Amino acid sequence: MAAAQGGVRVRRVYDPPEPDADGVRVLVDRLWPRGLAKAAAAVDEWPKAVTPSGELRTWYHGGGGSPEEFRHRYEEELAAPEAAAEVERLRELAARGPVTLLTAVRDPESSHAAVLADLLSA
């Protein structure tokens, strides 16, 4: 299922590509999705600077905090210079046409990809 947010969509990387709607397909997970061939994923970009750090993922998935606290910490990571530059580049890309953020998580609409989509659409 895709969530449209301005020119930015969020989808599971395991879902088949939609060439007429996806635009630029951007993987926003730090690790390559299990069991998925690179050709089948049809990923155009994989900017690791905008993925949550390993420490943040471990903290959150270990029951360390609330979704709101995760959002706050992830937004702080995205404000770091390298990540902020990549966010701005993706924002400019989305202004020119559709961008689809891809993630392997089961519920993309409540994941880091949705947080990033919100930032790109702001």
Protein backbone atom coordinates (compact mmCIF):
# COMPACT_ATOMS: atom_id res chain seq x y z
CA MET A 1 0.00 0.00 0.00
CA ALA A 2 1.35 3.43 -0.86
CA ALA A 3 0.85 6.59 1.12
CA ALA A 4 0.93 9.68 -1.03
CA GLN A 5 2.44 12.71 0.67
CA GLY A 6 2.90 15.52 -1.80
CA GLY A 7 5.24 14.21 -4.48
CA VAL A 8 6.50 11.52 -2.10
CA ARG A 9 5.11 7.99 -1.70
CA VAL A 10 6.03 5.32 0.82
CA ARG A 11 5.90 1.66 -0.25
CA ARG A 12 7.31 -1.72 0.67
CA VAL A 13 10.31 -2.62 -1.45
CA TYR A 14 8.84 -6.12 -1.84
CA ASP A 15 5.78 -4.76 -3.68
CA PRO A 16 6.08 -4.83 -7.47
CA PRO A 17 7.30 -1.57 -9.03
CA GLU A 18 4.65 0.74 -10.50
CA PRO A 19 6.57 2.46 -13.32
CA ASP A 20 3.74 4.90 -14.09
CA ALA A 21 3.45 6.09 -10.47
CA ASP A 22 6.70 5.46 -8.61
CA GLY A 23 8.97 7.99 -10.27
CA VAL A 24 12.41 7.79 -8.66
CA ARG A 25 12.58 4.73 -6.38
CA VAL A 26 14.71 5.39 -3.28
CA LEU A 27 15.61 2.65 -0.78
CA VAL A 28 15.70 4.18 2.71
CA ASP A 29 16.83 1.12 4.70
CA ARG A 30 20.43 0.80 5.87
CA LEU A 31 20.59 -2.91 4.96
CA TRP A 32 19.60 -4.50 1.66
CA PRO A 33 16.21 -6.29 1.99
CA ARG A 34 16.47 -10.03 2.57
CA GLY A 35 15.73 -12.32 -0.31
CA LEU A 36 15.27 -9.53 -2.85
CA ALA A 37 17.31 -9.46 -6.04
CA LYS A 38 18.60 -6.01 -6.95
CA ALA A 39 17.04 -6.24 -10.41
CA ALA A 40 13.61 -7.09 -8.97
CA ALA A 41 13.75 -4.16 -6.54
CA ALA A 42 14.21 -1.61 -9.32
CA VAL A 43 15.91 0.79 -6.89
CA ASP A 44 17.22 3.99 -8.47
CA GLU A 45 18.99 5.35 -5.39
CA TRP A 46 20.15 4.12 -1.99
CA PRO A 47 21.28 7.16 0.05
CA LYS A 48 22.44 5.60 3.31
CA ALA A 49 22.91 9.04 4.89
CA VAL A 50 19.11 9.30 5.36
CA THR A 51 18.66 5.88 6.95
CA PRO A 52 18.32 5.58 10.73
CA SER A 53 21.59 4.76 12.44
CA GLY A 54 22.21 1.27 13.75
CA GLU A 55 22.15 2.64 17.28
CA LEU A 56 18.75 4.27 16.77
CA ARG A 57 17.28 1.12 15.21
CA THR A 58 18.62 -1.05 18.05
CA TRP A 59 17.29 1.35 20.68
CA TYR A 60 13.81 1.53 19.13
CA HIS A 61 13.37 -2.13 18.25
CA GLY A 62 14.64 -3.12 21.68
CA GLY A 63 11.64 -1.38 23.24
CA GLY A 64 13.64 1.70 24.14
CA GLY A 65 10.97 4.29 23.53
CA SER A 66 7.83 5.57 21.95
CA PRO A 67 7.21 6.29 18.26
CA GLU A 68 7.24 10.00 19.10
CA GLU A 69 10.69 9.74 20.71
CA PHE A 70 11.93 7.71 17.73
CA ARG A 71 10.65 10.43 15.37
CA HIS A 72 12.43 13.11 17.41
CA ARG A 73 15.74 11.22 17.48
CA TYR A 74 15.53 10.33 13.78
CA GLU A 75 14.80 13.96 12.85
CA GLU A 76 17.90 14.94 14.86
CA GLU A 77 19.96 12.46 12.83
CA LEU A 78 18.52 13.87 9.62
CA ALA A 79 19.62 17.36 10.69
CA ALA A 80 23.30 16.31 10.66
CA PRO A 81 25.17 17.92 7.73
CA GLU A 82 25.52 14.90 5.41
CA ALA A 83 21.94 13.72 6.01
CA ALA A 84 20.53 17.24 5.75
CA ALA A 85 22.20 17.71 2.37
CA GLU A 86 20.71 14.43 1.16
CA VAL A 87 17.26 15.37 2.50
CA GLU A 88 17.45 18.65 0.59
CA ARG A 89 18.52 16.84 -2.59
CA LEU A 90 15.60 14.39 -2.25
CA ARG A 91 13.24 17.31 -1.59
CA GLU A 92 14.38 18.96 -4.83
CA LEU A 93 13.95 15.66 -6.66
CA ALA A 94 10.39 15.35 -5.32
CA ALA A 95 9.63 18.91 -6.49
CA ARG A 96 10.40 17.79 -10.05
CA GLY A 97 8.35 14.58 -10.01
CA PRO A 98 7.24 11.59 -7.98
CA VAL A 99 9.61 9.98 -5.51
CA THR A 100 8.85 6.64 -3.87
CA LEU A 101 10.59 5.83 -0.59
CA LEU A 102 11.07 2.09 -0.29
CA THR A 103 11.44 0.10 2.92
CA ALA A 104 11.32 -3.54 3.93
CA VAL A 105 9.31 -2.93 7.12
CA ARG A 106 5.86 -4.51 7.36
CA ASP A 107 4.06 -1.24 8.10
CA PRO A 108 5.72 1.51 6.05
CA GLU A 109 3.15 4.16 7.05
CA SER A 110 4.34 4.04 10.67
CA SER A 111 8.06 3.66 9.97
CA HIS A 112 11.10 5.86 9.51
CA ALA A 113 10.15 6.10 5.82
CA ALA A 114 6.95 7.95 6.76
CA VAL A 115 8.95 10.34 8.96
CA LEU A 116 11.28 11.03 6.05
CA ALA A 117 8.35 11.47 3.66
CA ASP A 118 6.84 14.05 6.03
CA LEU A 119 10.12 15.98 6.07
CA LEU A 120 10.45 15.86 2.30
CA SER A 121 6.88 17.07 1.83
CA ALA A 122 7.18 19.95 4.31
